[in-house]
C-alpha atoms as a PDB file:
ATOM      1  CA  UNK A   1       0.000   0.000   0.000  1.00  0.00           C
ATOM      2  CA  UNK A   2       0.887   3.576  -0.447  1.00  0.00           C
ATOM      3  CA  UNK A   3      -0.394   6.704   1.207  1.00  0.00           C
ATOM      4  CA  UNK A   4      -1.011  10.289   0.588  1.00  0.00           C
ATOM      5  CA  UNK A   5      -1.482  13.327   2.706  1.00  0.00           C
ATOM      6  CA  UNK A   6      -4.801  13.142   0.971  1.00  0.00           C
ATOM      7  CA  UNK A   7      -6.509  10.737   1.481  1.00  0.00           C
ATOM      8  CA  UNK A   8      -3.923   9.508   4.029  1.00  0.00           C
ATOM      9  CA  UNK A   9      -4.894  12.758   5.698  1.00  0.00           C
ATOM     10  CA  UNK A  10      -8.477  13.777   5.042  1.00  0.00           C
ATOM     11  CA  UNK A  11      -8.439  16.124   8.008  1.00  0.00           C
ATOM     12  CA  UNK A  12      -6.760  19.107   6.393  1.00  0.00           C
ATOM     13  CA  UNK A  13      -5.850  19.998   2.832  1.00  0.00           C
ATOM     14  CA  UNK A  14      -2.218  19.946   1.725  1.00  0.00           C
ATOM     15  CA  UNK A  15      -2.417  23.609   0.756  1.00  0.00           C
ATOM     16  CA  UNK A  16      -3.395  24.539   4.317  1.00  0.00           C
ATOM     17  CA  UNK A  17      -0.451  22.548   5.670  1.00  0.00           C
ATOM     18  CA  UNK A  18       1.927  24.239   3.268  1.00  0.00           C
ATOM     19  CA  UNK A  19       0.538  27.563   4.403  1.00  0.00           C
ATOM     20  CA  UNK A  20       1.443  26.724   8.000  1.00  0.00           C
ATOM     21  CA  UNK A  21       5.035  25.810   7.247  1.00  0.00           C
ATOM     22  CA  UNK A  22       7.501  28.296   8.698  1.00  0.00           C
ATOM     23  CA  UNK A  23       5.083  31.142   8.154  1.00  0.00           C
ATOM     24  CA  UNK A  24       5.541  31.128   4.384  1.00  0.00           C
ATOM     25  CA  UNK A  25       1.810  31.183   3.688  1.00  0.00           C
ATOM     26  CA  UNK A  26       0.267  30.547   0.287  1.00  0.00           C
ATOM     27  CA  UNK A  27       3.455  31.678  -1.450  1.00  0.00           C
ATOM     28  CA  UNK A  28       4.943  28.274  -0.638  1.00  0.00           C
ATOM     29  CA  UNK A  29       4.338  26.832  -4.085  1.00  0.00           C
ATOM     30  CA  UNK A  30       6.224  29.472  -6.146  1.00  0.00           C
ATOM     31  CA  UNK A  31       9.042  29.312  -3.617  1.00  0.00           C
ATOM     32  CA  UNK A  32       9.105  25.528  -3.788  1.00  0.00           C
ATOM     33  CA  UNK A  33       9.347  25.601  -7.573  1.00  0.00           C
ATOM     34  CA  UNK A  34      12.242  28.048  -7.445  1.00  0.00           C
ATOM     35  CA  UNK A  35      14.018  25.961  -4.835  1.00  0.00           C
ATOM     36  CA  UNK A  36      13.417  22.805  -6.861  1.00  0.00           C
ATOM     37  CA  UNK A  37      15.459  24.216  -9.716  1.00  0.00           C
ATOM     38  CA  UNK A  38      18.460  24.901  -7.501  1.00  0.00           C
ATOM     39  CA  UNK A  39      19.465  21.396  -6.426  1.00  0.00           C
ATOM     40  CA  UNK A  40      19.048  17.816  -7.666  1.00  0.00           C
ATOM     41  CA  UNK A  41      16.992  15.270  -5.789  1.00  0.00           C
ATOM     42  CA  UNK A  42      19.202  12.938  -3.790  1.00  0.00           C
ATOM     43  CA  UNK A  43      19.660   9.507  -5.405  1.00  0.00           C
ATOM     44  CA  UNK A  44      20.756   6.339  -3.656  1.00  0.00           C
ATOM     45  CA  UNK A  45      22.299   3.157  -4.964  1.00  0.00           C
ATOM     46  CA  UNK A  46      20.260  -0.002  -5.450  1.00  0.00           C
ATOM     47  CA  UNK A  47      22.623  -2.437  -3.683  1.00  0.00           C
ATOM     48  CA  UNK A  48      22.175  -5.356  -6.100  1.00  0.00           C
ATOM     49  CA  UNK A  49      23.123  -3.348  -9.184  1.00  0.00           C
ATOM     50  CA  UNK A  50      24.669  -0.034  -8.241  1.00  0.00           C
ATOM     51  CA  UNK A  51      21.940   1.764 -10.231  1.00  0.00           C
ATOM     52  CA  UNK A  52      21.018   5.131  -8.721  1.00  0.00           C
ATOM     53  CA  UNK A  53      17.371   5.765  -7.833  1.00  0.00           C
ATOM     54  CA  UNK A  54      16.019   9.182  -6.780  1.00  0.00           C
ATOM     55  CA  UNK A  55      14.838   9.007  -3.187  1.00  0.00           C
ATOM     56  CA  UNK A  56      11.357  10.447  -3.797  1.00  0.00           C
ATOM     57  CA  UNK A  57       8.830   8.671  -5.976  1.00  0.00           C
ATOM     58  CA  UNK A  58       5.070   8.317  -6.356  1.00  0.00           C
ATOM     59  CA  UNK A  59       2.517   5.927  -4.875  1.00  0.00           C
ATOM     60  CA  UNK A  60      -0.780   5.307  -6.649  1.00  0.00           C
ATOM     61  CA  UNK A  61      -3.090   3.577  -4.162  1.00  0.00           C
ATOM     62  CA  UNK A  62      -6.423   5.398  -3.879  1.00  0.00           C
ATOM     63  CA  UNK A  63      -5.300   8.575  -5.655  1.00  0.00           C
ATOM     64  CA  UNK A  64      -4.885   6.907  -9.083  1.00  0.00           C
ATOM     65  CA  UNK A  65      -8.009   4.760  -8.754  1.00  0.00           C
ATOM     66  CA  UNK A  66      -9.970   7.278 -10.827  1.00  0.00           C
ATOM     67  CA  UNK A  67     -11.287   5.283 -13.768  1.00  0.00           C
ATOM     68  CA  UNK A  68     -12.064   7.353 -16.855  1.00  0.00           C
ATOM     69  CA  UNK A  69     -12.519  10.692 -15.075  1.00  0.00           C
ATOM     70  CA  UNK A  70     -10.919  13.066 -17.591  1.00  0.00           C
ATOM     71  CA  UNK A  71     -10.305  15.947 -15.185  1.00  0.00           C
ATOM     72  CA  UNK A  72      -8.648  13.718 -12.610  1.00  0.00           C
ATOM     73  CA  UNK A  73      -6.586  11.997 -15.291  1.00  0.00           C
ATOM     74  CA  UNK A  74      -5.303  15.386 -16.460  1.00  0.00           C
ATOM     75  CA  UNK A  75      -4.362  16.264 -12.898  1.00  0.00           C
ATOM     76  CA  UNK A  76      -2.587  12.945 -12.328  1.00  0.00           C
ATOM     77  CA  UNK A  77      -0.749  13.367 -15.617  1.00  0.00           C
ATOM     78  CA  UNK A  78       0.491  16.718 -14.316  1.00  0.00           C
ATOM     79  CA  UNK A  79       1.644  14.979 -11.113  1.00  0.00           C
ATOM     80  CA  UNK A  80       3.696  12.482 -13.129  1.00  0.00           C
ATOM     81  CA  UNK A  81       5.097  15.227 -15.337  1.00  0.00           C
ATOM     82  CA  UNK A  82       6.064  17.263 -12.283  1.00  0.00           C
ATOM     83  CA  UNK A  83       7.813  14.288 -10.711  1.00  0.00           C
ATOM     84  CA  UNK A  84       9.801  13.480 -13.847  1.00  0.00           C
ATOM     85  CA  UNK A  85      10.690  17.106 -14.556  1.00  0.00           C
ATOM     86  CA  UNK A  86      11.735  17.511 -10.917  1.00  0.00           C
ATOM     87  CA  UNK A  87      14.069  14.518 -10.922  1.00  0.00           C
ATOM     88  CA  UNK A  88      11.928  11.674  -9.559  1.00  0.00           C
ATOM     89  CA  UNK A  89      11.536   8.307 -11.323  1.00  0.00           C
ATOM     90  CA  UNK A  90       9.705   5.647  -9.337  1.00  0.00           C
ATOM     91  CA  UNK A  91       5.977   4.989  -9.760  1.00  0.00           C
ATOM     92  CA  UNK A  92       4.567   2.185  -7.625  1.00  0.00           C
ATOM     93  CA  UNK A  93       1.208   0.530  -8.269  1.00  0.00           C
ATOM     94  CA  UNK A  94      -0.603  -2.815  -7.941  1.00  0.00           C
ATOM     95  CA  UNK A  95      -3.480  -4.833  -9.431  1.00  0.00           C
ATOM     96  CA  UNK A  96      -5.387  -4.400  -6.166  1.00  0.00           C
ATOM     97  CA  UNK A  97      -5.384  -0.597  -6.471  1.00  0.00           C
ATOM     98  CA  UNK A  98      -8.564  -0.523  -8.532  1.00  0.00           C
ATOM     99  CA  UNK A  99      -7.976   1.202 -11.878  1.00  0.00           C
ATOM    100  CA  UNK A 100      -4.572   2.614 -10.878  1.00  0.00           C
ATOM    101  CA  UNK A 101      -2.496   0.298 -13.085  1.00  0.00           C
ATOM    102  CA  UNK A 102      -4.577   1.126 -16.153  1.00  0.00           C
ATOM    103  CA  UNK A 103      -4.510   4.844 -15.396  1.00  0.00           C
ATOM    104  CA  UNK A 104      -0.728   4.816 -14.993  1.00  0.00           C
ATOM    105  CA  UNK A 105      -0.315   2.811 -18.195  1.00  0.00           C
ATOM    106  CA  UNK A 106      -2.589   5.077 -20.213  1.00  0.00           C
ATOM    107  CA  UNK A 107      -0.964   8.264 -18.941  1.00  0.00           C
ATOM    108  CA  UNK A 108       2.601   7.093 -19.539  1.00  0.00           C
ATOM    109  CA  UNK A 109       1.684   5.937 -23.050  1.00  0.00           C
ATOM    110  CA  UNK A 110       0.052   9.276 -23.838  1.00  0.00           C
ATOM    111  CA  UNK A 111       3.036  11.147 -22.448  1.00  0.00           C
ATOM    112  CA  UNK A 112       5.614   8.994 -24.205  1.00  0.00           C
ATOM    113  CA  UNK A 113       7.527   8.844 -20.933  1.00  0.00           C
ATOM    114  CA  UNK A 114       7.721   5.116 -20.150  1.00  0.00           C
ATOM    115  CA  UNK A 115      11.501   4.997 -20.595  1.00  0.00           C
ATOM    116  CA  UNK A 116      11.968   7.771 -18.050  1.00  0.00           C
ATOM    117  CA  UNK A 117      10.115   5.921 -15.288  1.00  0.00           C
ATOM    118  CA  UNK A 118      11.188   3.282 -12.779  1.00  0.00           C
ATOM    119  CA  UNK A 119       7.931   1.327 -12.899  1.00  0.00           C
ATOM    120  CA  UNK A 120       6.977  -0.990 -10.047  1.00  0.00           C
ATOM    121  CA  UNK A 121       3.921  -3.171  -9.527  1.00  0.00           C
ATOM    122  CA  UNK A 122       2.950  -6.244  -7.536  1.00  0.00           C
ATOM    123  CA  UNK A 123       1.662  -9.826  -7.677  1.00  0.00           C
ATOM    124  CA  UNK A 124      -0.332 -11.677  -5.026  1.00  0.00           C
ATOM    125  CA  UNK A 125      -2.028 -14.534  -6.904  1.00  0.00           C
ATOM    126  CA  UNK A 126      -1.587 -18.013  -5.408  1.00  0.00           C
ATOM    127  CA  UNK A 127       0.219 -20.616  -7.460  1.00  0.00           C
ATOM    128  CA  UNK A 128       2.877 -20.413 -10.135  1.00  0.00           C
ATOM    129  CA  UNK A 129       0.630 -20.261 -13.192  1.00  0.00           C
ATOM    130  CA  UNK A 130      -1.815 -17.916 -11.498  1.00  0.00           C
ATOM    131  CA  UNK A 131       1.028 -15.552 -10.614  1.00  0.00           C
ATOM    132  CA  UNK A 132       2.315 -15.595 -14.185  1.00  0.00           C
ATOM    133  CA  UNK A 133      -1.170 -14.828 -15.500  1.00  0.00           C
ATOM    134  CA  UNK A 134      -1.671 -11.953 -13.079  1.00  0.00           C
ATOM    135  CA  UNK A 135       1.669 -10.400 -13.977  1.00  0.00           C
ATOM    136  CA  UNK A 136       0.883 -10.599 -17.694  1.00  0.00           C
ATOM    137  CA  UNK A 137      -2.411  -8.838 -17.028  1.00  0.00           C
ATOM    138  CA  UNK A 138      -0.487  -6.100 -15.218  1.00  0.00           C
ATOM    139  CA  UNK A 139       1.777  -5.663 -18.245  1.00  0.00           C
ATOM    140  CA  UNK A 140      -1.314  -5.233 -20.421  1.00  0.00           C
ATOM    141  CA  UNK A 141      -2.854  -2.637 -18.111  1.00  0.00           C
ATOM    142  CA  UNK A 142       0.455  -0.800 -17.844  1.00  0.00           C
ATOM    143  CA  UNK A 143       0.820  -0.966 -21.636  1.00  0.00           C
ATOM    144  CA  UNK A 144       4.357  -2.254 -21.452  1.00  0.00           C
ATOM    145  CA  UNK A 145       6.293  -5.487 -21.953  1.00  0.00           C
ATOM    146  CA  UNK A 146       8.708  -4.715 -19.114  1.00  0.00           C
ATOM    147  CA  UNK A 147       8.545  -3.465 -15.536  1.00  0.00           C
ATOM    148  CA  UNK A 148      11.498  -2.427 -13.447  1.00  0.00           C
ATOM    149  CA  UNK A 149      10.307  -4.002 -10.196  1.00  0.00           C
ATOM    150  CA  UNK A 150       7.812  -6.801  -9.512  1.00  0.00           C
ATOM    151  CA  UNK A 151       6.955  -7.315  -5.841  1.00  0.00           C
ATOM    152  CA  UNK A 152       5.170 -10.124  -4.030  1.00  0.00           C
ATOM    153  CA  UNK A 153       2.368  -8.163  -2.383  1.00  0.00           C
ATOM    154  CA  UNK A 154       1.877  -8.492   1.386  1.00  0.00           C
ATOM    155  CA  UNK A 155       3.804 -11.723   1.854  1.00  0.00           C
ATOM    156  CA  UNK A 156       1.920 -14.365   3.809  1.00  0.00           C
ATOM    157  CA  UNK A 157       4.583 -16.979   4.515  1.00  0.00           C
ATOM    158  CA  UNK A 158       7.823 -18.382   3.155  1.00  0.00           C
ATOM    159  CA  UNK A 159       6.199 -21.160   1.134  1.00  0.00           C
ATOM    160  CA  UNK A 160       3.709 -18.959  -0.719  1.00  0.00           C
ATOM    161  CA  UNK A 161       6.286 -16.227  -1.248  1.00  0.00           C
ATOM    162  CA  UNK A 162       8.708 -18.789  -2.640  1.00  0.00           C
ATOM    163  CA  UNK A 163       6.180 -19.926  -5.254  1.00  0.00           C
ATOM    164  CA  UNK A 164       5.364 -16.365  -6.260  1.00  0.00           C
ATOM    165  CA  UNK A 165       8.994 -15.310  -6.359  1.00  0.00           C
ATOM    166  CA  UNK A 166       9.873 -18.240  -8.621  1.00  0.00           C
ATOM    167  CA  UNK A 167       7.267 -16.986 -11.089  1.00  0.00           C
ATOM    168  CA  UNK A 168       8.662 -13.453 -10.854  1.00  0.00           C
ATOM    169  CA  UNK A 169      12.203 -14.706 -11.409  1.00  0.00           C
ATOM    170  CA  UNK A 170      11.045 -16.731 -14.402  1.00  0.00           C
ATOM    171  CA  UNK A 171       9.858 -13.536 -16.082  1.00  0.00           C
ATOM    172  CA  UNK A 172      13.032 -11.759 -15.011  1.00  0.00           C
ATOM    173  CA  UNK A 173      15.067 -14.391 -16.846  1.00  0.00           C
ATOM    174  CA  UNK A 174      13.034 -13.556 -19.956  1.00  0.00           C
ATOM    175  CA  UNK A 175      13.851  -9.857 -19.620  1.00  0.00           C
ATOM    176  CA  UNK A 176      10.358  -8.741 -18.610  1.00  0.00           C
ATOM    177  CA  UNK A 177      11.374  -7.775 -15.067  1.00  0.00           C
ATOM    178  CA  UNK A 178      14.547  -6.113 -13.803  1.00  0.00           C
ATOM    179  CA  UNK A 179      14.232  -6.433 -10.015  1.00  0.00           C
ATOM    180  CA  UNK A 180      12.404  -8.746  -7.597  1.00  0.00           C
ATOM    181  CA  UNK A 181      10.831  -7.578  -4.352  1.00  0.00           C
ATOM    182  CA  UNK A 182       8.444  -8.250  -1.482  1.00  0.00           C
ATOM    183  CA  UNK A 183       6.092  -5.937   0.413  1.00  0.00           C
ATOM    184  CA  UNK A 184       4.011  -5.549   3.521  1.00  0.00           C
ATOM    185  CA  UNK A 185       2.304  -2.570   5.123  1.00  0.00           C
ATOM    186  CA  UNK A 186       1.583  -3.914   8.607  1.00  0.00           C
ATOM    187  CA  UNK A 187       4.108  -4.047  11.436  1.00  0.00           C
ATOM    188  CA  UNK A 188       2.414  -7.140  12.840  1.00  0.00           C
ATOM    189  CA  UNK A 189       3.579  -9.046   9.747  1.00  0.00           C
ATOM    190  CA  UNK A 190       7.245  -8.195  10.188  1.00  0.00           C
ATOM    191  CA  UNK A 191       8.240 -11.593  11.596  1.00  0.00           C
ATOM    192  CA  UNK A 192       7.152 -13.336   8.397  1.00  0.00           C
ATOM    193  CA  UNK A 193       8.773 -10.596   6.308  1.00  0.00           C
ATOM    194  CA  UNK A 194      12.045 -11.208   8.145  1.00  0.00           C
ATOM    195  CA  UNK A 195      11.780 -14.929   7.400  1.00  0.00           C
ATOM    196  CA  UNK A 196      11.185 -14.361   3.686  1.00  0.00           C
ATOM    197  CA  UNK A 197      13.884 -11.690   3.518  1.00  0.00           C
ATOM    198  CA  UNK A 198      16.476 -14.015   5.023  1.00  0.00           C
ATOM    199  CA  UNK A 199      15.559 -16.987   2.858  1.00  0.00           C
ATOM    200  CA  UNK A 200      14.814 -15.362  -0.494  1.00  0.00           C
ATOM    201  CA  UNK A 201      17.100 -12.292  -0.377  1.00  0.00           C
ATOM    202  CA  UNK A 202      14.966 -10.130  -2.697  1.00  0.00           C
ATOM    203  CA  UNK A 203      16.364  -7.096  -4.451  1.00  0.00           C
ATOM    204  CA  UNK A 204      13.749  -4.810  -2.864  1.00  0.00           C
ATOM    205  CA  UNK A 205      11.660  -4.662   0.292  1.00  0.00           C
ATOM    206  CA  UNK A 206       8.686  -2.306   0.565  1.00  0.00           C
ATOM    207  CA  UNK A 207       7.385  -1.532   4.058  1.00  0.00           C
ATOM    208  CA  UNK A 208       5.568   1.055   6.141  1.00  0.00           C
ATOM    209  CA  UNK A 209       7.789   3.430   8.077  1.00  0.00           C
ATOM    210  CA  UNK A 210       7.231   6.879   9.500  1.00  0.00           C
ATOM    211  CA  UNK A 211       7.910   9.076  12.479  1.00  0.00           C
ATOM    212  CA  UNK A 212       4.652   7.691  13.888  1.00  0.00           C
ATOM    213  CA  UNK A 213       5.536   4.033  13.176  1.00  0.00           C
ATOM    214  CA  UNK A 214       9.213   3.324  13.780  1.00  0.00           C
ATOM    215  CA  UNK A 215       9.173  -0.430  14.456  1.00  0.00           C
ATOM    216  CA  UNK A 216      10.996  -1.125  11.180  1.00  0.00           C
ATOM    217  CA  UNK A 217      14.085   0.499  12.711  1.00  0.00           C
ATOM    218  CA  UNK A 218      14.454  -2.316  15.216  1.00  0.00           C
ATOM    219  CA  UNK A 219      15.051  -5.245  12.894  1.00  0.00           C
ATOM    220  CA  UNK A 220      13.854  -4.876   9.328  1.00  0.00           C
ATOM    221  CA  UNK A 221      15.871  -1.875   8.187  1.00  0.00           C
ATOM    222  CA  UNK A 222      19.180  -3.194   9.614  1.00  0.00           C
ATOM    223  CA  UNK A 223      18.466  -6.639   8.162  1.00  0.00           C
ATOM    224  CA  UNK A 224      17.707  -5.179   4.731  1.00  0.00           C
ATOM    225  CA  UNK A 225      20.943  -3.211   4.841  1.00  0.00           C
ATOM    226  CA  UNK A 226      22.921  -6.332   5.775  1.00  0.00           C
ATOM    227  CA  UNK A 227      21.218  -8.344   3.026  1.00  0.00           C
ATOM    228  CA  UNK A 228      21.918  -5.736   0.351  1.00  0.00           C
ATOM    229  CA  UNK A 229      18.197  -5.200  -0.184  1.00  0.00           C
ATOM    230  CA  UNK A 230      16.897  -1.824  -1.321  1.00  0.00           C
ATOM    231  CA  UNK A 231      14.069  -0.391   0.799  1.00  0.00           C
ATOM    232  CA  UNK A 232      10.992   1.428  -0.499  1.00  0.00           C
ATOM    233  CA  UNK A 233       8.871   3.151   2.155  1.00  0.00           C
ATOM    234  CA  UNK A 234       5.104   3.444   1.989  1.00  0.00           C
ATOM    235  CA  UNK A 235       2.801   5.197   4.473  1.00  0.00           C
ATOM    236  CA  UNK A 236       5.458   7.813   5.371  1.00  0.00           C
ATOM    237  CA  UNK A 237       2.770  10.028   6.907  1.00  0.00           C
ATOM    238  CA  UNK A 238       1.277   7.293   9.066  1.00  0.00           C
ATOM    239  CA  UNK A 239      -2.106   7.367   7.289  1.00  0.00           C
ATOM    240  CA  UNK A 240      -2.494  11.031   8.163  1.00  0.00           C
ATOM    241  CA  UNK A 241      -1.711  10.568  11.854  1.00  0.00           C
ATOM    242  CA  UNK A 242       1.318  12.849  11.602  1.00  0.00           C
ATOM    243  CA  UNK A 243      -0.577  15.687   9.953  1.00  0.00           C
ATOM    244  CA  UNK A 244      -3.439  15.376  12.410  1.00  0.00           C
ATOM    245  CA  UNK A 245      -0.998  15.765  15.315  1.00  0.00           C
ATOM    246  CA  UNK A 246       0.470  19.032  14.011  1.00  0.00           C
ATOM    247  CA  UNK A 247      -2.765  20.635  12.885  1.00  0.00           C
ATOM    248  CA  UNK A 248      -2.583  24.339  13.662  1.00  0.00           C
ATOM    249  CA  UNK A 249       1.042  24.125  14.826  1.00  0.00           C
ATOM    250  CA  UNK A 250       3.936  26.079  13.328  1.00  0.00           C
ATOM    251  CA  UNK A 251       6.970  24.243  12.025  1.00  0.00           C
ATOM    252  CA  UNK A 252       9.683  24.375  14.736  1.00  0.00           C
ATOM    253  CA  UNK A 253      12.486  26.808  13.982  1.00  0.00           C
ATOM    254  CA  UNK A 254      15.125  24.088  14.261  1.00  0.00           C
ATOM    255  CA  UNK A 255      13.636  22.359  11.198  1.00  0.00           C
ATOM    256  CA  UNK A 256      15.610  24.907   9.172  1.00  0.00           C
ATOM    257  CA  UNK A 257      18.795  23.096  10.239  1.00  0.00           C
ATOM    258  CA  UNK A 258      17.911  20.299   7.816  1.00  0.00           C
ATOM    259  CA  UNK A 259      16.107  22.550   5.318  1.00  0.00           C
ATOM    260  CA  UNK A 260      12.557  21.367   6.005  1.00  0.00           C
ATOM    261  CA  UNK A 261      10.172  24.048   4.783  1.00  0.00           C
ATOM    262  CA  UNK A 262       6.865  22.272   5.356  1.00  0.00           C
ATOM    263  CA  UNK A 263       5.448  19.593   7.619  1.00  0.00           C
ATOM    264  CA  UNK A 264       5.476  17.188   4.684  1.00  0.00           C
ATOM    265  CA  UNK A 265       9.209  17.732   4.195  1.00  0.00           C
ATOM    266  CA  UNK A 266       9.775  17.411   7.930  1.00  0.00           C
ATOM    267  CA  UNK A 267       8.118  13.987   7.987  1.00  0.00           C
ATOM    268  CA  UNK A 268       9.727  12.733   4.776  1.00  0.00           C
ATOM    269  CA  UNK A 269      13.210  13.886   5.762  1.00  0.00           C
ATOM    270  CA  UNK A 270      12.981  11.839   8.953  1.00  0.00           C
ATOM    271  CA  UNK A 271      12.402   8.717   6.845  1.00  0.00           C
ATOM    272  CA  UNK A 272      15.004   9.570   4.219  1.00  0.00           C
ATOM    273  CA  UNK A 273      17.653  10.222   6.857  1.00  0.00           C
ATOM    274  CA  UNK A 274      17.802   6.492   7.564  1.00  0.00           C
ATOM    275  CA  UNK A 275      20.584   5.229   5.305  1.00  0.00           C
ATOM    276  CA  UNK A 276      18.845   1.911   4.644  1.00  0.00           C
ATOM    277  CA  UNK A 277      15.969   3.712   2.911  1.00  0.00           C
ATOM    278  CA  UNK A 278      16.324   3.859  -0.866  1.00  0.00           C
ATOM    279  CA  UNK A 279      13.094   5.608  -1.885  1.00  0.00           C
ATOM    280  CA  UNK A 280       9.877   6.914  -0.334  1.00  0.00           C
ATOM    281  CA  UNK A 281       6.600   6.810  -2.284  1.00  0.00           C
ATOM    282  CA  UNK A 282       3.878   9.054  -0.846  1.00  0.00           C
ATOM    283  CA  UNK A 283       0.646   8.962  -2.811  1.00  0.00           C
ATOM    284  CA  UNK A 284       0.096  12.307  -4.485  1.00  0.00           C
ATOM    285  CA  UNK A 285      -2.797  13.779  -6.434  1.00  0.00           C
ATOM    286  CA  UNK A 286      -1.721  17.382  -7.060  1.00  0.00           C
ATOM    287  CA  UNK A 287       1.397  18.759  -8.801  1.00  0.00           C
ATOM    288  CA  UNK A 288       2.137  21.205  -5.980  1.00  0.00           C
ATOM    289  CA  UNK A 289       2.192  18.339  -3.505  1.00  0.00           C
ATOM    290  CA  UNK A 290       4.659  16.529  -5.749  1.00  0.00           C
ATOM    291  CA  UNK A 291       6.914  19.587  -5.696  1.00  0.00           C
ATOM    292  CA  UNK A 292       6.835  19.614  -1.917  1.00  0.00           C
ATOM    293  CA  UNK A 293       7.631  15.888  -1.765  1.00  0.00           C
ATOM    294  CA  UNK A 294      10.565  16.263  -4.146  1.00  0.00           C
ATOM    295  CA  UNK A 295      11.970  19.086  -2.048  1.00  0.00           C
ATOM    296  CA  UNK A 296      12.225  16.677   0.883  1.00  0.00           C
ATOM    297  CA  UNK A 297      14.892  14.924  -1.184  1.00  0.00           C
ATOM    298  CA  UNK A 298      16.900  18.107  -1.597  1.00  0.00           C
ATOM    299  CA  UNK A 299      19.252  19.836   0.784  1.00  0.00           C
ATOM    300  CA  UNK A 300      20.378  18.580   4.161  1.00  0.00           C
ATOM    301  CA  UNK A 301      18.911  15.627   6.022  1.00  0.00           C
ATOM    302  CA  UNK A 302      18.737  15.350   9.816  1.00  0.00           C
ATOM    303  CA  UNK A 303      21.667  13.615  11.485  1.00  0.00           C
ATOM    304  CA  UNK A 304      21.279  11.029  14.241  1.00  0.00           C
ATOM    305  CA  UNK A 305      21.048  13.620  17.013  1.00  0.00           C
ATOM    306  CA  UNK A 306      18.453  15.607  15.099  1.00  0.00           C
ATOM    307  CA  UNK A 307      16.413  12.479  14.391  1.00  0.00           C
ATOM    308  CA  UNK A 308      16.294  11.800  18.129  1.00  0.00           C
ATOM    309  CA  UNK A 309      15.097  15.358  18.623  1.00  0.00           C
ATOM    310  CA  UNK A 310      12.375  14.783  16.024  1.00  0.00           C
ATOM    311  CA  UNK A 311      11.236  11.670  17.863  1.00  0.00           C
ATOM    312  CA  UNK A 312      11.078  13.562  21.145  1.00  0.00           C
ATOM    313  CA  UNK A 313       9.116  16.300  19.421  1.00  0.00           C
ATOM    314  CA  UNK A 314       6.667  13.706  18.116  1.00  0.00           C
ATOM    315  CA  UNK A 315       6.291  12.187  21.582  1.00  0.00           C
ATOM    316  CA  UNK A 316       5.626  15.634  23.036  1.00  0.00           C
ATOM    317  CA  UNK A 317       2.586  15.937  20.792  1.00  0.00           C
ATOM    318  CA  UNK A 318       1.275  12.864  22.577  1.00  0.00           C
END
């Protein structure tokens, strides 16, 4: 799963949050665009290959499940364009995200931008043949014969994941897939994720991680780093819990020390400061939100002492 400040946070609009950040008001967007042109988005190495991947991407759960709505499709196309123009690459989707795969496929085809995207999707069908069939259907919806990353969605146990991963690797051997991964979005599933990670050693692991949900720091992130597995983070805003906690509050002055200019950047920079994290994929439905996300991948990141201060700040909101 992915998230968005909207609908991950339905309690306050993103524009209102941007307006709160450091007192910059509604002029945040022009400023953000100017700042975006000044520095590249940080990119990190994918351990298995050494390929560099920009640290901010795009999730599509909920926000790209829009069917044939022309106005929303135009807006989502602008989101993708903004991400690519701003230096991002990764788009993550799944068959279970309603019409999101088809919407992404149609928009990329219309834009002629498939080659500029690191495209990721998922498989969760039981059985080898069923998994192959589901992946081929994803290729059709995405209007491509190749995806960069195929992930076993919400792994259940080692046996099932092994069957699904064999199907994924079969298509990788045929050149249809570049990287193999696994995902889960619930901390209560981490024990089984650890088991699959140790046994199967996938190229990528996607998990939930945020200032509000830090359990991945205890075992999963260090294990992924030791295994040479890239980490993609979903739910970086804790399903809106983070935004709800700071509603009406000004960004602390010390956030300037790591160049956070909005609450969104504050939250994303906490996640990105963990060296095991390769990319974060907040769901995004407006171009200005994409600009703000990308700016979290620019400038300084909090060091270990500052991250502890951020945790204490979060606890103080209690």
